[in-house]
Protein backbone atom coordinates (compact mmCIF):
# COMPACT_ATOMS: atom_id res chain seq x y z
CA MET A 1 6.47 0.39 -16.09
CA GLN A 2 9.92 1.08 -17.46
CA SER A 3 10.99 -2.64 -17.74
CA GLY A 4 7.50 -3.23 -19.73
CA SER A 5 6.25 -5.74 -16.94
CA LEU A 6 3.08 -3.57 -16.48
CA PRO A 7 1.96 -2.84 -19.97
CA ALA A 8 -1.41 -1.45 -19.26
CA LEU A 9 -0.16 0.86 -16.71
CA ALA A 10 2.60 2.35 -18.82
CA ARG A 11 0.10 3.09 -21.34
CA LEU A 12 -2.01 4.82 -18.92
CA ARG A 13 1.26 6.77 -18.02
CA ASP A 14 1.93 7.84 -21.50
CA GLU A 15 -1.39 9.08 -22.45
CA GLY A 16 -2.08 10.87 -19.11
CA SER A 17 0.24 11.66 -16.32
CA PHE A 18 2.25 9.94 -13.48
CA SER A 19 2.74 11.97 -10.19
CA THR A 20 4.65 11.52 -6.98
CA ILE A 21 2.42 12.47 -3.99
CA THR A 22 2.22 12.36 -0.28
CA THR A 23 0.11 10.33 1.60
CA SER A 24 -0.92 11.07 5.36
CA PHE A 25 0.73 10.31 8.22
CA PRO A 26 0.15 7.50 9.70
CA SER A 27 1.39 6.18 6.25
CA VAL A 28 -0.96 2.98 6.80
CA THR A 29 -3.89 1.26 5.29
CA GLY A 30 -7.09 2.03 7.03
CA PRO A 31 -6.44 5.77 8.17
CA ALA A 32 -4.76 6.12 5.03
CA TYR A 33 -7.98 5.37 3.02
CA ALA A 34 -9.69 8.71 4.26
CA PRO A 35 -7.82 10.89 1.96
CA PHE A 36 -9.01 9.24 -1.01
CA LEU A 37 -12.40 8.56 0.14
CA MET A 38 -13.31 11.55 2.16
CA GLY A 39 -10.55 14.01 1.10
CA ARG A 40 -9.54 14.33 4.72
CA HIS A 41 -6.41 13.80 6.54
CA PRO A 42 -6.94 10.45 9.05
CA GLY A 43 -6.44 12.96 12.20
CA SER A 44 -9.03 15.25 11.14
CA VAL A 45 -11.74 12.67 11.02
CA GLY A 46 -10.74 10.71 14.38
CA LEU A 47 -8.63 7.79 12.72
CA PRO A 48 -5.17 8.70 14.49
CA GLY A 49 -3.55 5.26 13.51
CA LEU A 50 -4.28 1.53 12.61
CA ARG A 51 -4.68 1.05 16.51
CA TRP A 52 -5.39 3.70 19.04
CA TYR A 53 -6.67 3.99 22.86
CA ASP A 54 -9.72 5.61 23.93
CA ARG A 55 -9.23 8.17 26.81
CA SER A 56 -12.92 8.85 27.09
CA ARG A 57 -13.95 5.27 27.06
CA LYS A 58 -17.07 6.29 25.34
CA VAL A 59 -16.25 4.88 22.10
CA CYS A 60 -14.22 1.79 22.61
CA ARG A 61 -15.80 -1.05 24.87
CA TRP A 62 -14.92 -2.23 28.20
CA PRO A 63 -12.29 -4.01 29.06
CA SER A 64 -10.04 -3.13 26.70
CA HIS A 65 -10.95 0.67 25.55
CA ALA A 66 -8.94 0.55 22.67
CA ARG A 67 -9.35 -0.47 19.08
CA SER A 68 -7.48 -2.18 16.66
CA TYR A 69 -8.60 -2.28 12.62
CA THR A 70 -6.79 -5.37 11.92
CA GLY A 71 -9.45 -7.91 12.85
CA PRO A 72 -13.11 -8.13 13.87
CA GLN A 73 -13.01 -4.23 15.19
CA CYS A 74 -12.18 -3.24 11.78
CA ARG A 75 -16.40 -3.03 11.46
CA PHE A 76 -16.44 -0.08 13.81
CA LEU A 77 -14.13 1.96 11.58
CA ASP A 78 -16.89 3.75 9.73
CA SER A 79 -18.98 4.52 13.02
CA ASP A 80 -15.49 5.78 14.39
CA ILE A 81 -15.41 8.65 11.85
CA THR A 82 -16.38 11.75 13.36
CA ASP A 83 -16.66 14.00 10.81
CA GLY A 84 -17.10 14.79 7.02
CA TYR A 85 -18.68 12.59 3.91
CA THR A 86 -17.40 9.90 1.68
CA MET A 87 -17.46 9.52 -1.98
CA PHE A 88 -20.02 6.55 -1.44
CA GLU A 89 -22.58 9.10 0.24
CA LEU A 90 -21.98 11.83 -2.49
CA ALA A 91 -22.14 9.50 -5.29
CA ASP A 92 -25.31 8.84 -6.96
CA THR A 93 -24.01 5.15 -7.77
CA SER A 94 -20.88 3.15 -6.53
CA ILE A 95 -19.18 0.09 -5.70
CA GLY A 96 -16.60 -0.65 -3.55
CA ALA A 97 -14.07 -3.43 -3.29
CA LEU A 98 -11.96 -4.63 0.17
CA SER A 99 -12.82 -0.98 1.14
CA VAL A 100 -12.44 -0.66 5.18
CA ILE A 101 -14.25 2.67 4.41
CA ARG A 102 -17.74 2.22 3.47
CA ARG A 103 -20.16 4.30 5.09
CA GLY A 104 -22.68 4.92 2.33
CA LEU A 105 -22.26 1.94 0.30
CA PRO A 106 -25.08 -0.36 0.14
CA PRO A 107 -24.13 -3.74 1.19
CA VAL A 108 -25.39 -5.05 -2.35
CA ARG A 109 -22.46 -2.87 -3.60
CA ARG A 110 -19.73 -3.95 -1.21
CA LEU A 111 -17.23 -6.54 -3.15
CA GLY A 112 -15.35 -8.58 -0.74
CA SER A 113 -17.89 -8.84 2.48
CA GLY A 114 -19.82 -11.14 4.14
CA ILE A 115 -19.16 -13.75 6.67
CA PRO A 116 -17.71 -16.66 4.21
CA PHE A 117 -15.25 -13.89 2.74
CA VAL A 118 -14.37 -12.72 6.07
CA ALA A 119 -13.53 -16.00 7.42
CA ARG A 120 -11.63 -16.63 4.34
CA THR A 121 -9.55 -13.36 4.88
CA ALA A 122 -8.92 -14.33 8.46
CA ILE A 123 -7.38 -17.99 7.58
CA THR A 124 -5.14 -16.23 5.03
CA HIS A 125 -3.96 -13.90 7.35
CA PHE A 126 -3.31 -15.74 10.48
CA ARG A 127 -1.74 -18.56 8.08
CA GLY A 128 0.46 -15.95 6.90
CA ASP A 129 -0.40 -17.20 3.52
CA VAL A 130 1.13 -14.67 0.77
CA ALA A 131 0.06 -16.53 -2.07
CA GLY A 132 -3.46 -16.81 -0.77
CA TRP A 133 -3.57 -13.37 -0.87
CA LEU A 134 -2.94 -12.87 -4.49
CA THR A 135 -5.68 -15.46 -5.40
CA MET A 136 -7.80 -13.21 -3.43
CA ASP A 137 -6.68 -10.26 -5.02
CA ARG A 138 -7.30 -11.94 -8.65
CA GLY A 139 -11.00 -13.14 -7.59
CA ILE A 140 -11.53 -9.32 -6.32
CA GLY A 141 -10.56 -7.99 -9.66
CA ASP A 142 -12.54 -10.46 -11.68
CA ASN A 143 -15.53 -9.47 -9.57
CA PHE A 144 -15.06 -5.38 -9.80
CA VAL A 145 -14.35 -5.60 -13.44
CA ARG A 146 -17.84 -7.58 -13.80
CA ARG A 147 -19.63 -5.42 -11.73
CA VAL A 148 -18.35 -2.02 -13.21
CA ARG A 149 -18.97 -3.63 -16.91
CA GLU A 150 -22.73 -4.48 -15.79
CA SER A 151 -23.79 -1.61 -13.67
CA ARG A 152 -21.84 1.13 -15.19
CA PRO A 153 -21.40 2.97 -11.50
CA GLU A 154 -20.85 6.76 -11.29
CA PHE A 155 -17.94 6.14 -8.74
CA ALA A 156 -15.86 2.90 -8.29
CA PHE A 157 -13.17 1.93 -5.78
CA ALA A 158 -10.98 -1.09 -5.27
CA ALA A 159 -8.08 -1.62 -3.07
CA PHE A 160 -5.70 -4.56 -3.78
CA THR A 161 -4.00 -5.84 -0.67
CA GLY A 162 -1.43 -8.42 -2.15
CA ILE A 163 1.26 -5.53 -3.09
CA ASP A 164 1.30 -4.78 0.64
CA LYS A 165 1.24 -8.48 2.22
CA THR A 166 3.86 -9.70 -0.26
CA SER A 167 6.24 -6.87 0.59
CA HIS A 168 5.76 -7.36 4.19
CA ALA A 169 6.84 -11.15 3.54
CA LYS A 170 9.48 -11.17 1.07
CA GLY A 171 10.53 -7.31 0.69
CA HIS A 172 9.13 -4.74 -1.69
CA ASP A 173 11.60 -5.56 -4.66
CA ALA A 174 10.70 -9.04 -4.51
CA PRO A 175 9.48 -11.20 -7.65
CA ILE A 176 6.22 -12.13 -6.10
CA VAL A 177 5.61 -8.32 -5.57
CA LEU A 178 5.36 -7.55 -9.09
CA ASP A 179 2.87 -10.70 -9.66
CA ALA A 180 0.95 -8.69 -7.47
CA MET A 181 1.44 -5.73 -9.26
CA SER A 182 0.52 -7.38 -12.37
CA VAL A 183 -3.12 -8.10 -10.94
CA VAL A 184 -3.60 -4.38 -10.81
CA ASP A 185 -2.29 -4.08 -14.10
CA ASP A 186 -4.65 -6.89 -15.59
CA VAL A 187 -7.67 -5.24 -14.05
CA CYS A 188 -6.81 -1.59 -15.63
CA GLU A 189 -6.58 -3.40 -19.11
CA ARG A 190 -9.76 -5.05 -18.95
CA LEU A 191 -11.55 -1.90 -17.60
CA ARG A 192 -10.01 0.02 -20.39
CA HIS A 193 -11.24 -2.56 -23.08
CA ASP A 194 -14.40 -2.66 -21.80
CA ALA A 195 -14.90 1.31 -21.44
CA GLU A 196 -13.43 1.13 -25.32
CA ARG A 197 -15.86 -1.53 -26.52
CA ASP A 198 -18.92 0.36 -25.05
CA GLY A 199 -17.58 4.04 -26.48
CA THR A 200 -17.29 5.69 -22.90
CA TRP A 201 -13.52 5.34 -22.58
CA ASP A 202 -13.39 9.11 -23.50
CA ASP A 203 -15.44 10.12 -20.42
CA THR A 204 -13.86 7.67 -18.05
CA HIS A 205 -11.13 8.47 -15.24
CA LEU A 206 -9.32 5.64 -14.21
CA TRP A 207 -6.39 6.76 -11.45
CA VAL A 208 -4.10 4.26 -9.84
CA VAL A 209 -2.50 5.44 -6.58
CA SER A 210 -1.20 3.66 -3.59
CA ASP A 211 -1.98 4.82 0.53
CA HIS A 212 1.74 4.11 1.67
CA GLY A 213 5.25 3.17 0.67
CA HIS A 214 7.15 0.65 2.29
CA SER A 215 11.03 -0.04 2.99
CA ARG A 216 13.27 -2.76 4.13
CA VAL A 217 13.24 -3.56 7.75
CA ALA A 218 16.45 -5.46 8.99
CA ARG A 219 15.54 -4.93 13.28
CA HIS A 220 12.52 -5.31 15.19
CA ASP A 221 12.17 -3.13 18.22
CA ASP A 222 9.50 -4.60 20.95
CA LEU A 223 8.53 -1.24 21.95
CA ALA A 224 5.62 -2.54 24.20
CA GLY A 225 7.90 -4.89 25.86
CA HIS A 226 10.59 -2.31 26.70
CA VAL A 227 7.92 0.31 27.99
CA ALA A 228 6.43 -2.79 30.47
CA SER A 229 10.40 -3.35 31.29
CA LEU A 230 10.59 0.11 32.86
CA GLY A 231 8.13 -0.97 35.22
CA PHE A 232 4.77 0.45 33.72
CA ARG A 233 1.75 -1.73 33.43
CA THR A 234 1.60 -1.53 29.76
CA VAL A 235 -1.38 -2.64 27.31
CA ALA A 236 -0.65 -3.23 23.62
CA HIS A 237 -2.42 -5.58 21.08
CA PRO A 238 -3.31 -8.58 21.11
CA TRP A 239 -3.14 -8.48 25.01
CA ILE A 240 -5.25 -5.19 26.00
CA ALA A 241 -7.43 -6.03 28.63
CA TRP A 242 -5.05 -5.73 31.67
CA PRO A 243 -6.46 -4.16 34.90
CA ARG A 244 -5.18 -0.87 36.50
CA ALA A 245 -2.92 -0.56 33.12
CA GLN A 246 -0.89 2.95 33.17
CA VAL A 247 0.39 2.96 29.43
CA ALA A 248 -1.19 2.02 26.17
CA VAL A 249 1.26 1.27 23.19
CA ALA A 250 -0.40 1.50 19.79
CA VAL A 251 1.55 0.55 16.85
CA SER A 252 0.59 1.22 13.15
CA GLY A 253 2.59 -0.04 9.96
CA ASN A 254 4.89 -1.12 12.17
CA ALA A 255 6.76 1.84 11.72
CA MET A 256 5.03 4.23 13.62
CA ALA A 257 3.18 4.15 17.37
CA HIS A 258 0.92 6.61 19.53
CA ILE A 259 2.07 6.31 23.45
CA TYR A 260 -0.91 6.96 25.99
CA THR A 261 0.33 7.73 29.55
CA GLY A 262 -1.92 7.97 32.74
CA LEU A 263 -4.92 5.86 31.55
CA GLY A 264 -6.95 6.66 34.67
CA ASP A 265 -7.57 10.32 33.09
CA ARG A 266 -10.43 10.46 30.73
CA SER A 267 -9.48 13.58 28.86
CA ARG A 268 -6.76 14.34 26.81
CA ARG A 269 -3.60 16.39 28.35
CA PHE A 270 -0.99 18.01 26.53
CA TRP A 271 2.71 17.77 27.16
CA PRO A 272 3.44 20.39 29.73
CA ALA A 273 0.89 18.96 31.99
CA LEU A 274 2.43 15.26 31.97
CA ARG A 275 3.93 14.23 35.09
CA THR A 276 7.67 13.83 35.65
CA ASP A 277 7.71 10.02 35.13
CA TRP A 278 6.23 10.41 31.82
CA ARG A 279 8.77 12.98 30.93
CA ALA A 280 11.27 10.53 31.79
CA LEU A 281 9.51 7.74 29.36
CA ALA A 282 9.73 10.26 26.71
CA ALA A 283 13.52 10.98 27.36
CA GLU A 284 14.06 7.11 27.43
CA LEU A 285 12.40 6.44 24.13
CA MET A 286 14.42 9.11 22.55
CA GLU A 287 17.36 7.23 23.05
CA ARG A 288 16.39 4.47 21.37
CA ASP A 289 18.13 3.60 17.90
CA SER A 290 14.54 2.30 16.56
CA VAL A 291 13.22 5.86 17.27
CA ASP A 292 14.08 8.46 14.47
CA LEU A 293 11.15 11.16 15.15
CA MET A 294 9.01 11.91 18.70
CA LEU A 295 6.28 14.16 18.47
CA LEU A 296 5.29 15.84 21.61
CA PRO A 297 1.80 17.73 21.18
CA ILE A 298 1.96 20.90 23.61
CA SER A 299 -1.44 22.52 22.80
CA ALA A 300 -4.63 22.00 20.62
CA SER A 301 -2.45 24.29 18.04
CA SER A 302 1.57 23.56 18.65
CA CYS A 303 3.64 20.32 18.59
CA GLU A 304 7.34 19.64 19.72
CA VAL A 305 9.31 17.51 17.08
CA HIS A 306 12.32 15.90 18.55
CA ALA A 307 14.84 13.94 16.32
CA ARG A 308 17.53 11.77 17.95
CA GLY A 309 20.62 13.52 17.84
CA ARG A 310 19.22 16.51 15.79
CA GLY A 311 17.56 18.45 18.40
CA HIS A 312 13.87 19.75 18.50
CA ALA A 313 11.57 22.35 16.70
CA ILE A 314 8.09 23.27 17.25
CA ILE A 315 5.35 23.49 14.92
CA THR A 316 2.41 25.71 15.48
CA TRP A 317 -0.55 26.47 13.09
CA GLY A 318 -3.86 28.10 12.44
CA GLU A 319 -6.65 28.16 10.13
CA SER A 320 -4.94 28.48 7.17
CA TRP A 321 -1.28 29.19 8.34
CA TYR A 322 1.76 26.71 9.70
CA SER A 323 5.26 28.11 11.21
CA TYR A 324 8.01 25.82 12.04
CA LEU A 325 10.58 26.84 14.34
CA PRO A 326 13.75 25.22 14.87
CA VAL A 327 15.10 25.50 18.59
CA THR A 328 18.05 23.19 19.48
CA GLY A 329 18.19 21.94 15.71
CA ASP A 330 16.17 21.33 12.68
CA PRO A 331 14.65 17.65 12.67
CA LEU A 332 12.65 18.14 9.67
CA GLU A 333 15.36 19.69 7.83
CA ALA A 334 12.74 22.49 6.55
CA GLY A 335 14.54 25.61 8.19
CA GLU A 336 12.75 28.25 9.76
CA ARG A 337 9.39 29.08 8.19
CA ASP A 338 6.96 31.44 9.58
CA CYS A 339 2.97 31.87 8.55
CA MET A 340 3.20 29.49 5.40
CA SER A 341 0.14 28.53 3.44
CA GLU A 342 -0.35 24.53 3.00
CA THR A 343 1.09 24.78 -0.45
CA ASP A 344 4.00 26.59 0.91
CA ALA A 345 4.57 24.37 3.66
CA PHE A 346 4.36 21.37 1.15
CA ASP A 347 6.73 22.88 -1.19
CA ALA A 348 9.41 23.69 1.93
CA THR A 349 9.70 19.63 2.86
CA PHE A 350 9.06 17.78 -0.26
CA ALA A 351 12.51 17.44 -1.04
CA THR A 352 13.52 16.79 2.45
CA SER A 353 13.43 13.14 4.22
CA TYR A 354 10.07 14.18 5.59
CA PRO A 355 8.03 15.26 2.93
CA ASP A 356 4.80 17.51 3.82
CA SER A 357 5.86 16.74 7.52
CA ILE A 358 5.08 20.30 8.60
CA VAL A 359 1.22 19.73 7.70
CA GLN A 360 0.92 16.10 8.42
CA VAL A 361 2.51 16.73 12.31
CA ALA A 362 -0.14 19.20 12.64
CA ARG A 363 -2.85 17.43 11.47
CA LEU A 364 -2.01 14.09 13.51
CA SER A 365 -0.97 16.17 16.50
CA SER A 366 -4.68 17.84 16.62
CA CYS A 367 -6.61 14.84 16.66
CA SER A 368 -7.75 14.68 20.27
CA ARG A 369 -7.68 10.32 19.78
CA SER A 370 -3.80 10.68 19.35
CA GLY A 371 -1.44 9.73 21.86
CA ASP A 372 0.61 11.98 24.49
CA ILE A 373 3.64 10.74 22.66
CA ILE A 374 3.85 9.93 18.78
CA LEU A 375 6.69 8.19 17.42
CA SER A 376 8.28 7.63 13.90
CA ALA A 377 10.57 4.88 13.32
CA THR A 378 14.24 5.08 12.02
CA PRO A 379 14.85 3.67 8.46
CA GLY A 380 15.45 0.10 9.01
CA TRP A 381 13.67 -0.59 12.06
CA ASP A 382 10.15 -1.48 13.11
CA LEU A 383 8.36 -1.22 16.38
CA ARG A 384 6.70 -4.52 16.70
CA ALA A 385 8.47 -7.50 17.45
CA ARG A 386 5.99 -9.91 17.82
CA TYR A 387 2.43 -11.31 17.49
CA GLU A 388 2.61 -10.85 13.31
CA PRO A 389 1.59 -13.81 11.31
CA ILE A 390 3.77 -12.76 8.59
CA PRO A 391 7.08 -11.92 9.96
CA HIS A 392 7.89 -8.16 8.28
CA VAL A 393 10.94 -8.00 6.17
CA SER A 394 9.16 -4.59 5.09
CA ALA A 395 7.46 -2.12 6.48
CA HIS A 396 5.66 1.30 6.41
CA GLY A 397 3.73 3.68 8.65
CA ALA A 398 6.50 6.35 9.56
CA LEU A 399 6.80 9.99 8.36
CA HIS A 400 9.76 9.19 6.64
CA ARG A 401 9.80 9.62 2.47
CA ASP A 402 10.09 5.75 1.82
CA HIS A 403 6.70 5.61 3.44
CA MET A 404 5.10 9.02 2.58
CA LEU A 405 5.77 9.10 -1.15
CA VAL A 406 2.92 7.44 -3.61
CA PRO A 407 2.41 7.29 -7.11
CA LEU A 408 -0.44 8.85 -8.75
CA LEU A 409 -1.37 7.45 -12.17
CA THR A 410 -4.00 9.04 -14.42
CA ASN A 411 -5.37 7.99 -17.70
CA LYS A 412 -5.81 11.67 -18.78
CA PRO A 413 -3.46 14.54 -18.42
CA ILE A 414 -3.97 16.77 -15.37
CA ALA A 415 -4.35 20.48 -15.41
CA GLY A 416 -3.04 21.13 -12.04
CA THR A 417 -0.43 20.08 -9.57
CA ALA A 418 -1.36 16.94 -7.56
CA ARG A 419 0.47 17.17 -4.19
CA ARG A 420 -1.31 15.15 -1.60
CA SER A 421 -3.65 12.05 -1.34
CA ILE A 422 -6.51 14.07 -0.28
CA ASP A 423 -6.61 15.80 -3.69
CA VAL A 424 -7.77 12.37 -5.14
CA MET A 425 -11.22 12.72 -3.67
CA THR A 426 -11.49 16.64 -4.32
CA SER A 427 -10.23 15.98 -8.10
CA ALA A 428 -13.19 13.25 -8.29
CA CYS A 429 -15.64 15.55 -7.17
CA SER A 430 -14.47 17.96 -9.71
CA VAL A 431 -14.67 15.30 -12.16
CA LEU A 432 -18.57 14.10 -11.01
CA GLY A 433 -19.75 17.65 -10.27
CA LEU A 434 -20.18 16.60 -6.71
CA ASP A 435 -19.83 18.86 -3.66
CA ALA A 436 -16.36 18.83 -2.13
CA THR A 437 -17.19 21.35 0.78
CA GLY A 438 -15.37 19.88 3.81
CA SER A 439 -12.47 18.40 2.01
CA GLU A 440 -9.17 19.56 2.62
CA GLY A 441 -7.56 18.63 -0.59
CA THR A 442 -7.00 20.94 -3.69
CA SER A 443 -8.22 19.47 -7.37
CA PHE A 444 -6.03 18.71 -9.82
CA ILE A 445 -8.55 18.85 -12.44
């Protein structure tokens, strides 16, 4: 915007507001849409990551008992959600383009769906066709603008994947990423033009936000391969149907991972109850250069946070409070904090390397579908070295600020303070006069 390359977005910023907010952890497409469309943290609605393992074996089918939203299983995401309402369910009329959360959205109002489109998406993905994603974005943008113009829905949501795909392939600061951003700029300009022509611009709220950041990756750690090399029978996508498996490794983004141990057990066990060999596995992982943070849930309302070379702390929480106690160090750079509100917890961590980390750890750790061990990668590393159609030179998913901080652009000044991506849905409900009961966000309207 400062260079003049995105004039429509710059105009929105100058007339409205530009905020830096935090996304959710894991900072990865799919789960990180829950804040925008449900006002909930991903862990609060049963979406702990882009990939996860079903200990109960009641949700994910035999033989894998695992979930991955990167392929055909994306169709299960709506039914995997355990709680809450979507904007599509609350608004009288809506349109959704390329949204992985579509519950409440009639098929006729879904843009970017159907067998031909899905087949085209799969071909583009597995070919690693970066330019093809921009072609798809332009097509989605054209269709979205046309449908908004014709039907004037109460609520409209469009996701554009080209910025992410080009960043993975070429680096987030590559020229082709600006081409992808220009698609968004063009869509915003046309939406504005139509609304001004029809005399509805003054009543229109147009917001632009991202589900995660990006940072350069120079080194890749085959995390699943390493766990297997230690002698554990390990399952990880895409090879997930191994008999008598002992450990599941579920990587998202590719800078975070859930590790599930003792796969014969059907219910979640917390860290104090894990066997000695799993404790040895955790110690081994904490020594790896690729691992920055390790989260060890120790109860339904507490979690240990370990940082390589920086000691560990304990986070505890209740219905409306959070505490952070350094034990052998201060891994989240927050200092000792007792009985904070969510706002205080945000303010205490926003300027650190791990913004909003205390609340984010609590929300993910408390999810019953999360792993026994949760990892966040060291900047410059990711945790998946194989099976990517586009070799990653930039990645996301971690609790680090490069991945957690995202922009929020609004075409009108906001009255409050925008802090988290969960605030977006709550604020949209405020604009539309909808009931946001159950939302975990705070309206900035």
